[in-house]
Amino acid sequence: MIRWSHSERDVDLPAPLREHAVACEPIAAGASTALLERLVLPGGRRLVCKHVTADLDWMMRATHDTGRAAELWVSGAMDRLPKTIDPALVRIEDGWWLYMDEVHFHPAGTRFTRGDVRRVLDALAAMHEEFWEEPVPGLCSLHDLLSLAAPRTVAQYEGWFADFVQAGWETFADVVSRDVADAVLALLDDPTPLVRELESHGTTLVHADAHFGNAVLLPDRLVLIDWTLAAQAPPAVDFVWLLDQSSTLIDATLDDVVEDFLRAERGRVTAAMLDHACLAELVVAGWQVRHWVDREDRPVQEASLERFVARARRAL
């Protein structure tokens, strides 16, 4: 029944874990439709359970995922993660039931220093170095990653998210300069040219969803969960996603953060790679401009967007 178990965390735990819980509470999975539950075991230990199955998760179906978040661990690939990255995983059971320690994320409003971000970048860079230029079976392809939020993709899956994304792309076309907006919308239809450019810079294992909604900084490590979109991509893909999703939480200049990223990657990243990654970020997440278009911090968000647009324009 047990396919993989973490020796330090899985001590005297019954199997199957879910059937031995004394309490079970559903957890919202955000844009994903995956099944997430909070379990309380006899004795009070709390775990989070995720059922990794494409039958429930549209993102898995959209990225041709047969159980990536579990298979990477069962295959042994994730045993090679640097010690500075902790996935919080306790056990995987047949049928791809994943059990993780409950992670207590940073409270809303937490600010992160340049040193904090440097630690995140160093941890990710150690992972990028370990898997540099090594094809890892089962990872999300760049083509699928860039197509995940394309209108033609989300239109296949009915629900509020598809409508939200479609409206977001309409807002994007109104907010972003016409030359870049048109190019991004064209790449949503066919990302092949951008995939080719990104892969030419060299690829590695990237988390592809590293931000402070999935990550917690502890004194000795970075706890990083949700590996569903782990991809074969250039290191800059991790960086631009972190920057895009968390830039308003960071007390450091953009130039400082970019400098720390380049230093951490030790020559694996070029300016051209970063430019193409910024273009890729607009393809993956440009629709999210709808999140901030009516917010008080719109000027800050627009300034951040313009930095991505400027580098994307260079890539084009």
Protein backbone atom coordinates (compact mmCIF):
# COMPACT_ATOMS: atom_id res chain seq x y z
CA MET A 1 0.00 0.00 0.00
CA ILE A 2 2.75 2.48 0.91
CA ARG A 3 4.78 3.46 -2.15
CA TRP A 4 7.07 6.07 -0.60
CA SER A 5 7.64 7.20 2.96
CA HIS A 6 9.86 9.85 4.53
CA SER A 7 11.94 8.14 7.22
CA GLU A 8 12.03 11.12 9.58
CA ARG A 9 8.37 12.08 9.41
CA ASP A 10 6.56 8.76 8.99
CA VAL A 11 7.01 7.22 12.43
CA ASP A 12 4.40 4.68 13.58
CA LEU A 13 1.74 6.10 11.27
CA PRO A 14 -1.05 3.69 10.24
CA ALA A 15 -1.95 2.89 6.65
CA PRO A 16 -3.94 3.95 4.80
CA LEU A 17 -3.65 7.26 6.61
CA ARG A 18 -6.88 8.78 5.39
CA GLU A 19 -8.97 5.94 6.84
CA HIS A 20 -7.40 6.39 10.28
CA ALA A 21 -8.12 10.11 10.56
CA VAL A 22 -10.41 11.19 13.38
CA ALA A 23 -11.35 14.36 11.54
CA CYS A 24 -11.32 15.42 7.89
CA GLU A 25 -11.89 18.95 6.58
CA PRO A 26 -11.92 20.00 2.90
CA ILE A 27 -9.47 22.72 1.82
CA ALA A 28 -10.01 25.07 -1.09
CA ALA A 29 -7.61 24.28 -3.92
CA GLY A 30 -7.70 27.68 -5.61
CA ALA A 31 -7.70 27.59 -9.41
CA SER A 32 -7.03 23.87 -9.34
CA THR A 33 -9.91 21.43 -8.86
CA ALA A 34 -7.77 18.90 -6.97
CA LEU A 35 -9.07 17.23 -3.81
CA LEU A 36 -7.34 18.69 -0.74
CA GLU A 37 -8.21 17.77 2.84
CA ARG A 38 -6.89 18.55 6.31
CA LEU A 39 -6.66 15.39 8.42
CA VAL A 40 -6.38 15.04 12.17
CA LEU A 41 -4.84 11.74 13.25
CA PRO A 42 -5.23 9.99 16.60
CA GLY A 43 -2.97 11.86 18.97
CA GLY A 44 -3.66 15.21 17.27
CA ARG A 45 -1.13 15.25 14.45
CA ARG A 46 -2.41 17.26 11.49
CA LEU A 47 -1.63 16.45 7.87
CA VAL A 48 -2.78 17.70 4.50
CA CYS A 49 -3.94 15.05 2.05
CA LYS A 50 -4.00 15.56 -1.72
CA HIS A 51 -5.49 13.10 -4.18
CA VAL A 52 -3.34 13.31 -7.31
CA THR A 53 -5.69 12.23 -10.08
CA ALA A 54 -6.47 13.77 -13.46
CA ASP A 55 -10.13 12.82 -12.98
CA LEU A 56 -10.45 15.65 -10.47
CA ASP A 57 -7.80 18.16 -11.56
CA TRP A 58 -8.20 20.06 -14.83
CA MET A 59 -4.61 21.32 -14.64
CA MET A 60 -3.35 17.75 -14.67
CA ARG A 61 -5.40 16.98 -17.75
CA ALA A 62 -4.25 20.19 -19.47
CA THR A 63 -0.57 19.35 -18.88
CA HIS A 64 -0.80 15.62 -19.71
CA ASP A 65 -0.01 14.81 -16.09
CA THR A 66 -0.38 11.18 -14.99
CA GLY A 67 0.63 11.90 -11.40
CA ARG A 68 3.71 14.08 -11.67
CA ALA A 69 3.71 15.28 -8.05
CA ALA A 70 3.83 11.66 -6.86
CA GLU A 71 5.85 10.07 -9.64
CA LEU A 72 8.78 12.43 -9.16
CA TRP A 73 9.13 11.17 -5.60
CA VAL A 74 8.54 7.50 -6.32
CA SER A 75 11.12 7.61 -9.13
CA GLY A 76 13.73 8.93 -6.73
CA ALA A 77 14.29 12.19 -8.60
CA MET A 78 13.17 14.30 -5.67
CA ASP A 79 15.49 12.48 -3.29
CA ARG A 80 18.14 14.63 -4.95
CA LEU A 81 16.63 17.92 -3.84
CA PRO A 82 19.11 20.09 -1.94
CA LYS A 83 18.74 20.01 1.83
CA THR A 84 17.68 23.65 1.70
CA ILE A 85 14.39 22.66 0.01
CA ASP A 86 11.80 20.78 2.06
CA PRO A 87 8.64 19.53 0.28
CA ALA A 88 6.95 18.71 3.63
CA LEU A 89 6.07 15.29 2.26
CA VAL A 90 5.28 12.50 4.71
CA ARG A 91 4.02 9.64 2.59
CA ILE A 92 2.65 8.59 -0.80
CA GLU A 93 0.14 5.74 -0.97
CA ASP A 94 -1.25 3.75 -3.89
CA GLY A 95 -3.78 5.60 -5.98
CA TRP A 96 -1.52 8.66 -5.59
CA TRP A 97 -2.63 9.88 -2.19
CA LEU A 98 -0.04 12.41 -0.98
CA TYR A 99 0.28 13.28 2.70
CA MET A 100 2.16 16.37 3.81
CA ASP A 101 2.81 18.07 7.10
CA GLU A 102 0.50 21.03 7.46
CA VAL A 103 2.43 24.13 6.45
CA HIS A 104 1.82 27.41 8.26
CA PHE A 105 2.40 30.10 5.69
CA HIS A 106 3.68 33.60 6.36
CA PRO A 107 0.84 35.82 7.62
CA ALA A 108 -0.78 38.28 5.24
CA GLY A 109 1.18 41.49 5.10
CA THR A 110 4.55 39.85 5.79
CA ARG A 111 7.42 41.75 4.19
CA PHE A 112 10.51 40.00 2.87
CA THR A 113 13.99 41.49 2.92
CA ARG A 114 16.60 41.21 0.22
CA GLY A 115 18.30 38.60 2.40
CA ASP A 116 15.08 36.57 2.60
CA VAL A 117 14.70 36.55 -1.16
CA ARG A 118 18.38 35.69 -1.58
CA ARG A 119 17.82 32.55 0.50
CA VAL A 120 14.92 31.53 -1.74
CA LEU A 121 16.99 32.13 -4.87
CA ASP A 122 19.96 30.21 -3.45
CA ALA A 123 17.76 27.20 -2.64
CA LEU A 124 16.20 27.19 -6.10
CA ALA A 125 19.61 27.64 -7.74
CA ALA A 126 20.94 24.57 -5.89
CA MET A 127 18.07 22.55 -7.37
CA HIS A 128 18.67 24.01 -10.83
CA GLU A 129 22.34 23.07 -10.59
CA GLU A 130 21.58 19.48 -9.52
CA PHE A 131 19.36 18.84 -12.55
CA TRP A 132 21.05 21.17 -15.05
CA GLU A 133 20.73 19.93 -18.64
CA GLU A 134 19.32 16.59 -17.42
CA PRO A 135 15.99 15.49 -18.91
CA VAL A 136 13.79 14.45 -15.98
CA PRO A 137 10.98 12.04 -16.95
CA GLY A 138 7.43 13.18 -16.26
CA LEU A 139 8.02 16.91 -16.02
CA CYS A 140 5.56 19.36 -17.53
CA SER A 141 6.69 20.43 -20.98
CA LEU A 142 7.27 24.08 -21.74
CA HIS A 143 4.61 23.88 -24.43
CA ASP A 144 1.99 22.68 -21.91
CA LEU A 145 3.11 25.20 -19.29
CA LEU A 146 2.85 28.14 -21.71
CA SER A 147 -0.53 26.91 -22.95
CA LEU A 148 -2.07 26.32 -19.52
CA ALA A 149 -3.96 29.62 -19.34
CA ALA A 150 -4.56 30.01 -23.08
CA PRO A 151 -8.22 30.74 -23.89
CA ARG A 152 -8.44 27.60 -26.03
CA THR A 153 -7.18 25.52 -23.09
CA VAL A 154 -9.39 26.86 -20.31
CA ALA A 155 -12.41 26.85 -22.64
CA GLN A 156 -12.32 23.04 -22.45
CA TYR A 157 -13.06 23.16 -18.72
CA GLU A 158 -16.31 24.78 -17.70
CA GLY A 159 -16.54 26.88 -14.55
CA TRP A 160 -15.80 30.25 -13.04
CA PHE A 161 -12.07 30.01 -13.69
CA ALA A 162 -12.42 29.72 -17.46
CA ASP A 163 -14.63 32.82 -17.57
CA PHE A 164 -12.28 34.70 -15.25
CA VAL A 165 -9.23 33.93 -17.38
CA GLN A 166 -10.96 34.87 -20.62
CA ALA A 167 -11.98 38.24 -19.15
CA GLY A 168 -8.42 38.67 -17.89
CA TRP A 169 -6.98 38.33 -21.38
CA GLU A 170 -9.40 40.97 -22.60
CA THR A 171 -8.12 43.31 -19.87
CA PHE A 172 -4.52 42.44 -20.75
CA ALA A 173 -5.07 43.49 -24.36
CA ASP A 174 -6.38 46.86 -23.14
CA VAL A 175 -3.60 47.51 -20.60
CA VAL A 176 -0.42 46.36 -22.39
CA SER A 177 1.20 48.08 -25.37
CA ARG A 178 -0.25 46.81 -28.62
CA ASP A 179 2.97 45.35 -30.03
CA VAL A 180 3.62 43.16 -26.99
CA ALA A 181 -0.05 42.32 -26.39
CA ASP A 182 -0.48 41.10 -29.96
CA ALA A 183 2.67 38.98 -29.74
CA VAL A 184 1.56 37.40 -26.46
CA LEU A 185 -1.90 36.61 -27.79
CA ALA A 186 -0.30 34.99 -30.86
CA LEU A 187 1.93 32.86 -28.63
CA LEU A 188 -1.13 31.72 -26.73
CA ASP A 189 -2.34 30.19 -29.98
CA ASP A 190 1.04 28.62 -30.73
CA PRO A 191 3.89 28.91 -28.20
CA THR A 192 6.28 26.83 -30.32
CA PRO A 193 8.63 29.73 -31.29
CA LEU A 194 9.02 30.79 -27.66
CA VAL A 195 9.48 27.19 -26.51
CA ARG A 196 12.32 26.83 -29.00
CA GLU A 197 14.02 30.01 -27.77
CA LEU A 198 13.67 29.08 -24.09
CA GLU A 199 15.03 25.57 -24.58
CA SER A 200 18.03 26.94 -26.46
CA HIS A 201 19.23 28.55 -23.20
CA GLY A 202 19.44 25.20 -21.37
CA THR A 203 16.90 23.56 -19.09
CA THR A 204 16.61 21.99 -15.67
CA LEU A 205 13.98 20.96 -13.16
CA VAL A 206 11.97 24.04 -12.16
CA HIS A 207 9.16 24.17 -9.63
CA ALA A 208 7.24 26.60 -11.91
CA ASP A 209 5.00 27.83 -9.07
CA ALA A 210 7.49 29.11 -6.48
CA HIS A 211 6.07 32.10 -4.62
CA PHE A 212 5.17 32.93 -1.03
CA GLY A 213 1.78 31.28 -1.38
CA ASN A 214 3.56 27.94 -1.79
CA ALA A 215 6.75 28.67 0.17
CA VAL A 216 7.73 29.28 3.78
CA LEU A 217 11.14 30.43 4.94
CA LEU A 218 12.36 28.60 8.04
CA PRO A 219 15.72 29.31 9.71
CA ASP A 220 17.45 26.40 7.97
CA ARG A 221 15.41 25.71 4.84
CA LEU A 222 12.74 26.68 2.35
CA VAL A 223 9.52 24.68 2.65
CA LEU A 224 8.14 24.44 -0.88
CA ILE A 225 4.92 22.61 -1.69
CA ASP A 226 2.69 21.94 -4.74
CA TRP A 227 4.93 20.41 -7.40
CA THR A 228 2.07 19.74 -9.83
CA LEU A 229 3.53 22.02 -12.54
CA ALA A 230 7.19 21.05 -12.07
CA ALA A 231 8.65 21.56 -15.53
CA GLN A 232 11.66 21.12 -17.78
CA ALA A 233 12.59 24.75 -18.34
CA PRO A 234 15.33 27.39 -17.95
CA PRO A 235 16.02 28.55 -14.36
CA ALA A 236 14.69 32.02 -15.17
CA VAL A 237 11.17 30.57 -15.39
CA ASP A 238 11.22 30.03 -11.61
CA PHE A 239 12.63 33.50 -11.03
CA VAL A 240 10.14 35.47 -13.10
CA TRP A 241 7.18 33.64 -11.54
CA LEU A 242 8.48 34.41 -8.03
CA LEU A 243 9.07 38.02 -9.00
CA ASP A 244 5.70 38.43 -10.69
CA GLN A 245 3.69 36.85 -7.88
CA SER A 246 5.60 38.30 -4.91
CA SER A 247 7.31 41.53 -6.00
CA THR A 248 4.97 43.77 -3.97
CA LEU A 249 5.98 41.88 -0.80
CA ILE A 250 9.73 42.39 -1.24
CA ASP A 251 11.64 45.26 0.35
CA ALA A 252 14.40 45.39 -2.25
CA THR A 253 14.87 47.00 -5.63
CA LEU A 254 14.33 45.04 -8.81
CA ASP A 255 17.97 45.55 -9.77
CA ASP A 256 19.11 44.10 -6.46
CA VAL A 257 16.89 41.03 -6.80
CA VAL A 258 18.00 40.41 -10.40
CA GLU A 259 21.63 40.76 -9.32
CA ASP A 260 21.12 38.17 -6.56
CA PHE A 261 19.41 35.81 -8.99
CA LEU A 262 22.26 36.01 -11.51
CA ARG A 263 24.82 35.49 -8.76
CA ALA A 264 22.98 32.46 -7.37
CA GLU A 265 22.75 30.79 -10.79
CA ARG A 266 26.53 31.03 -11.38
CA GLY A 267 26.52 31.60 -15.11
CA ARG A 268 23.51 29.46 -16.05
CA VAL A 269 21.45 32.55 -16.84
CA THR A 270 22.01 35.12 -19.58
CA ALA A 271 20.24 38.41 -20.22
CA ALA A 272 18.59 36.81 -23.25
CA MET A 273 17.26 33.94 -21.12
CA LEU A 274 15.78 36.43 -18.67
CA ASP A 275 14.18 38.41 -21.49
CA HIS A 276 12.57 35.30 -22.96
CA ALA A 277 11.43 34.20 -19.49
CA CYS A 278 9.72 37.57 -18.98
CA LEU A 279 7.90 37.09 -22.27
CA ALA A 280 6.94 33.59 -21.13
CA GLU A 281 5.60 35.01 -17.87
CA LEU A 282 3.27 37.30 -19.80
CA VAL A 283 2.04 34.28 -21.77
CA VAL A 284 1.47 32.24 -18.60
CA ALA A 285 0.08 34.94 -16.34
CA GLY A 286 -0.79 38.04 -18.35
CA TRP A 287 -4.48 37.41 -17.70
CA GLN A 288 -3.87 38.11 -14.01
CA VAL A 289 -3.78 41.87 -14.63
CA ARG A 290 -7.49 41.66 -13.91
CA HIS A 291 -6.63 40.97 -10.26
CA TRP A 292 -5.23 44.46 -9.68
CA VAL A 293 -6.86 46.70 -12.24
CA ASP A 294 -9.25 48.21 -9.65
CA ARG A 295 -6.98 48.02 -6.59
CA GLU A 296 -5.35 50.87 -4.72
CA ASP A 297 -1.88 49.58 -5.55
CA ARG A 298 -2.52 49.64 -9.29
CA PRO A 299 0.37 52.11 -9.95
CA VAL A 300 2.81 49.72 -8.25
CA GLN A 301 1.44 46.77 -10.19
CA GLU A 302 1.59 48.67 -13.46
CA ALA A 303 5.22 49.59 -12.83
CA SER A 304 6.04 45.92 -12.26
CA LEU A 305 4.17 44.94 -15.42
CA GLU A 306 6.05 47.53 -17.45
CA ARG A 307 9.36 46.00 -16.41
CA PHE A 308 8.20 42.64 -17.73
CA VAL A 309 6.91 44.26 -20.92
CA ALA A 310 10.21 46.04 -21.53
CA ARG A 311 12.21 42.81 -21.30
CA ALA A 312 9.59 40.92 -23.31
CA ARG A 313 9.88 43.53 -26.05
CA ARG A 314 13.63 42.92 -26.21
CA ALA A 315 12.97 39.19 -26.56
CA LEU A 316 10.58 39.88 -29.42
